[in-house]
Amino acid sequence: MRTLLTLLLALHMAMPSIVMASETTIKDPFSYSVKYYAMILGIAILGGFANWWGKVRKGEVPMTSISLLVGELVISAFSGIVFFWVCSAYDVHPLLTAAGTGLAGHMGTKGINYLEAWAIRRFPMFKGDEL
């Protein structure tokens, strides 16, 4: 009897997730407009530019190094798009997605390094230099 009650309680608690899963539509990266992607990329790249400018002001990076600027902008665009897709998969509010995309763009290489360190800790069979 106790097992049956536990099962019924678990089903009752899981019911909102089951109903929500049946109502959601599958999203893919091609379902967004070019204008929407341009906005997301602009926010992410602006975050990457702010990170680069902070490094220039601290004296860590010379202002004349265009390759470092371009590298920072490309990595910030990549991390911003990935963050946008994750937020889109979890139906995060658009304003929170935009704010997080800017922060992900600002984090850029730091965020990717954190993710790589987590993956190496989580899956020790893969080392960073063997990939």
C-alpha atoms as a PDB file:
ATOM      1  CA  MET A   1       0.000   0.000   0.000  1.00  0.00           C
ATOM      2  CA  ARG A   2       2.838   2.390   0.861  1.00  0.00           C
ATOM      3  CA  THR A   3       4.506   1.719  -2.501  1.00  0.00           C
ATOM      4  CA  LEU A   4       1.272   2.465  -4.326  1.00  0.00           C
ATOM      5  CA  LEU A   5       0.845   5.738  -2.442  1.00  0.00           C
ATOM      6  CA  THR A   6       4.445   6.702  -3.203  1.00  0.00           C
ATOM      7  CA  LEU A   7       3.922   5.942  -6.892  1.00  0.00           C
ATOM      8  CA  LEU A   8       0.701   7.972  -7.011  1.00  0.00           C
ATOM      9  CA  LEU A   9       2.365  10.892  -5.241  1.00  0.00           C
ATOM     10  CA  ALA A  10       5.316  10.781  -7.648  1.00  0.00           C
ATOM     11  CA  LEU A  11       2.958  10.783 -10.645  1.00  0.00           C
ATOM     12  CA  HIS A  12       1.004  13.657  -9.165  1.00  0.00           C
ATOM     13  CA  MET A  13       4.189  15.674  -8.631  1.00  0.00           C
ATOM     14  CA  ALA A  14       5.438  14.902 -12.158  1.00  0.00           C
ATOM     15  CA  MET A  15       2.159  15.777 -13.878  1.00  0.00           C
ATOM     16  CA  PRO A  16       2.990  19.485 -14.566  1.00  0.00           C
ATOM     17  CA  SER A  17       6.229  18.465 -16.257  1.00  0.00           C
ATOM     18  CA  ILE A  18       4.473  15.818 -18.320  1.00  0.00           C
ATOM     19  CA  VAL A  19       1.768  18.253 -19.434  1.00  0.00           C
ATOM     20  CA  MET A  20       4.321  20.948 -20.206  1.00  0.00           C
ATOM     21  CA  ALA A  21       6.430  18.532 -22.243  1.00  0.00           C
ATOM     22  CA  SER A  22       3.451  17.583 -24.373  1.00  0.00           C
ATOM     23  CA  GLU A  23       2.587  21.238 -25.095  1.00  0.00           C
ATOM     24  CA  THR A  24       6.046  22.519 -26.004  1.00  0.00           C
ATOM     25  CA  THR A  25       7.149  22.637 -29.589  1.00  0.00           C
ATOM     26  CA  ILE A  26      10.575  21.601 -30.682  1.00  0.00           C
ATOM     27  CA  LYS A  27      12.748  24.625 -31.452  1.00  0.00           C
ATOM     28  CA  ASP A  28      15.640  24.588 -33.828  1.00  0.00           C
ATOM     29  CA  PRO A  29      18.264  27.232 -34.580  1.00  0.00           C
ATOM     30  CA  PHE A  30      16.633  28.021 -37.934  1.00  0.00           C
ATOM     31  CA  SER A  31      13.309  29.060 -36.401  1.00  0.00           C
ATOM     32  CA  TYR A  32      14.643  32.503 -35.388  1.00  0.00           C
ATOM     33  CA  SER A  33      14.857  35.463 -37.741  1.00  0.00           C
ATOM     34  CA  VAL A  34      18.094  36.998 -38.955  1.00  0.00           C
ATOM     35  CA  LYS A  35      17.149  40.222 -37.142  1.00  0.00           C
ATOM     36  CA  TYR A  36      16.846  38.318 -33.852  1.00  0.00           C
ATOM     37  CA  TYR A  37      20.229  36.639 -34.357  1.00  0.00           C
ATOM     38  CA  ALA A  38      21.773  40.017 -35.242  1.00  0.00           C
ATOM     39  CA  MET A  39      20.503  41.438 -31.959  1.00  0.00           C
ATOM     40  CA  ILE A  40      21.830  38.469 -29.962  1.00  0.00           C
ATOM     41  CA  LEU A  41      25.208  38.602 -31.729  1.00  0.00           C
ATOM     42  CA  GLY A  42      25.402  42.362 -31.204  1.00  0.00           C
ATOM     43  CA  ILE A  43      24.805  41.985 -27.467  1.00  0.00           C
ATOM     44  CA  ALA A  44      27.375  39.174 -27.199  1.00  0.00           C
ATOM     45  CA  ILE A  45      29.976  41.047 -29.242  1.00  0.00           C
ATOM     46  CA  LEU A  46      29.423  44.187 -27.194  1.00  0.00           C
ATOM     47  CA  GLY A  47      30.167  42.116 -24.084  1.00  0.00           C
ATOM     48  CA  GLY A  48      33.355  40.826 -25.720  1.00  0.00           C
ATOM     49  CA  PHE A  49      34.372  44.358 -26.688  1.00  0.00           C
ATOM     50  CA  ALA A  50      33.862  45.499 -23.104  1.00  0.00           C
ATOM     51  CA  ASN A  51      36.122  42.667 -21.926  1.00  0.00           C
ATOM     52  CA  TRP A  52      38.812  43.600 -24.464  1.00  0.00           C
ATOM     53  CA  TRP A  53      38.574  47.283 -23.554  1.00  0.00           C
ATOM     54  CA  GLY A  54      38.981  46.426 -19.875  1.00  0.00           C
ATOM     55  CA  LYS A  55      42.150  44.485 -20.701  1.00  0.00           C
ATOM     56  CA  VAL A  56      43.461  47.442 -22.709  1.00  0.00           C
ATOM     57  CA  ARG A  57      42.768  49.849 -19.847  1.00  0.00           C
ATOM     58  CA  LYS A  58      44.568  47.567 -17.383  1.00  0.00           C
ATOM     59  CA  GLY A  59      47.570  47.387 -19.712  1.00  0.00           C
ATOM     60  CA  GLU A  60      47.303  43.614 -20.232  1.00  0.00           C
ATOM     61  CA  VAL A  61      46.734  43.935 -23.994  1.00  0.00           C
ATOM     62  CA  PRO A  62      48.085  46.559 -26.408  1.00  0.00           C
ATOM     63  CA  MET A  63      45.419  48.630 -28.134  1.00  0.00           C
ATOM     64  CA  THR A  64      47.097  48.143 -31.511  1.00  0.00           C
ATOM     65  CA  SER A  65      46.654  44.356 -31.489  1.00  0.00           C
ATOM     66  CA  ILE A  66      43.768  43.863 -33.904  1.00  0.00           C
ATOM     67  CA  SER A  67      44.164  40.070 -33.853  1.00  0.00           C
ATOM     68  CA  LEU A  68      43.432  39.957 -30.115  1.00  0.00           C
ATOM     69  CA  LEU A  69      40.363  42.152 -30.633  1.00  0.00           C
ATOM     70  CA  VAL A  70      39.053  39.987 -33.474  1.00  0.00           C
ATOM     71  CA  GLY A  71      39.733  36.812 -31.476  1.00  0.00           C
ATOM     72  CA  GLU A  72      37.901  38.218 -28.476  1.00  0.00           C
ATOM     73  CA  LEU A  73      34.917  39.241 -30.611  1.00  0.00           C
ATOM     74  CA  VAL A  74      34.676  35.850 -32.337  1.00  0.00           C
ATOM     75  CA  ILE A  75      34.873  33.926 -29.067  1.00  0.00           C
ATOM     76  CA  SER A  76      32.348  36.240 -27.411  1.00  0.00           C
ATOM     77  CA  ALA A  77      29.950  35.778 -30.349  1.00  0.00           C
ATOM     78  CA  PHE A  78      30.308  31.989 -30.071  1.00  0.00           C
ATOM     79  CA  SER A  79      29.747  31.897 -26.316  1.00  0.00           C
ATOM     80  CA  GLY A  80      26.818  34.305 -26.616  1.00  0.00           C
ATOM     81  CA  ILE A  81      25.089  32.184 -29.265  1.00  0.00           C
ATOM     82  CA  VAL A  82      25.598  28.992 -27.261  1.00  0.00           C
ATOM     83  CA  PHE A  83      24.171  30.702 -24.168  1.00  0.00           C
ATOM     84  CA  PHE A  84      21.227  31.950 -26.220  1.00  0.00           C
ATOM     85  CA  TRP A  85      20.486  28.422 -27.457  1.00  0.00           C
ATOM     86  CA  VAL A  86      20.619  27.031 -23.913  1.00  0.00           C
ATOM     87  CA  CYS A  87      18.248  29.735 -22.667  1.00  0.00           C
ATOM     88  CA  SER A  88      15.969  29.111 -25.625  1.00  0.00           C
ATOM     89  CA  ALA A  89      15.859  25.396 -24.857  1.00  0.00           C
ATOM     90  CA  TYR A  90      14.758  26.132 -21.286  1.00  0.00           C
ATOM     91  CA  ASP A  91      12.284  28.895 -22.268  1.00  0.00           C
ATOM     92  CA  VAL A  92      14.045  31.576 -20.244  1.00  0.00           C
ATOM     93  CA  HIS A  93      12.447  35.043 -20.363  1.00  0.00           C
ATOM     94  CA  PRO A  94      13.818  37.045 -23.331  1.00  0.00           C
ATOM     95  CA  LEU A  95      15.154  39.889 -21.170  1.00  0.00           C
ATOM     96  CA  LEU A  96      17.071  37.460 -18.968  1.00  0.00           C
ATOM     97  CA  THR A  97      18.353  35.743 -22.101  1.00  0.00           C
ATOM     98  CA  ALA A  98      19.597  39.065 -23.496  1.00  0.00           C
ATOM     99  CA  ALA A  99      21.313  39.987 -20.222  1.00  0.00           C
ATOM    100  CA  GLY A 100      22.885  36.556 -19.924  1.00  0.00           C
ATOM    101  CA  THR A 101      24.026  36.663 -23.539  1.00  0.00           C
ATOM    102  CA  GLY A 102      25.883  39.911 -22.874  1.00  0.00           C
ATOM    103  CA  LEU A 103      27.486  38.410 -19.791  1.00  0.00           C
ATOM    104  CA  ALA A 104      28.398  35.238 -21.698  1.00  0.00           C
ATOM    105  CA  GLY A 105      29.965  37.403 -24.396  1.00  0.00           C
ATOM    106  CA  HIS A 106      31.895  39.302 -21.740  1.00  0.00           C
ATOM    107  CA  MET A 107      33.068  36.051 -20.154  1.00  0.00           C
ATOM    108  CA  GLY A 108      34.112  34.713 -23.581  1.00  0.00           C
ATOM    109  CA  THR A 109      37.342  32.797 -23.183  1.00  0.00           C
ATOM    110  CA  LYS A 110      37.003  32.582 -19.394  1.00  0.00           C
ATOM    111  CA  GLY A 111      33.667  30.812 -19.705  1.00  0.00           C
ATOM    112  CA  ILE A 112      35.008  28.377 -22.269  1.00  0.00           C
ATOM    113  CA  ASN A 113      38.011  27.637 -20.039  1.00  0.00           C
ATOM    114  CA  TYR A 114      35.685  27.008 -17.069  1.00  0.00           C
ATOM    115  CA  LEU A 115      33.572  24.683 -19.210  1.00  0.00           C
ATOM    116  CA  GLU A 116      36.659  22.817 -20.411  1.00  0.00           C
ATOM    117  CA  ALA A 117      37.934  22.411 -16.833  1.00  0.00           C
ATOM    118  CA  TRP A 118      34.505  21.113 -15.753  1.00  0.00           C
ATOM    119  CA  ALA A 119      34.446  18.626 -18.644  1.00  0.00           C
ATOM    120  CA  ILE A 120      37.924  17.344 -17.752  1.00  0.00           C
ATOM    121  CA  ARG A 121      36.915  16.933 -14.096  1.00  0.00           C
ATOM    122  CA  ARG A 122      33.634  15.269 -15.067  1.00  0.00           C
ATOM    123  CA  PHE A 123      35.157  13.009 -17.732  1.00  0.00           C
ATOM    124  CA  PRO A 124      38.753  12.337 -16.659  1.00  0.00           C
ATOM    125  CA  MET A 125      39.372  10.020 -19.607  1.00  0.00           C
ATOM    126  CA  PHE A 126      39.517  13.111 -21.821  1.00  0.00           C
ATOM    127  CA  LYS A 127      42.439  15.400 -21.193  1.00  0.00           C
ATOM    128  CA  GLY A 128      42.563  18.918 -22.600  1.00  0.00           C
ATOM    129  CA  ASP A 129      45.688  18.315 -24.697  1.00  0.00           C
ATOM    130  CA  GLU A 130      44.469  14.995 -26.134  1.00  0.00           C
ATOM    131  CA  LEU A 131      41.355  16.464 -27.748  1.00  0.00           C
END
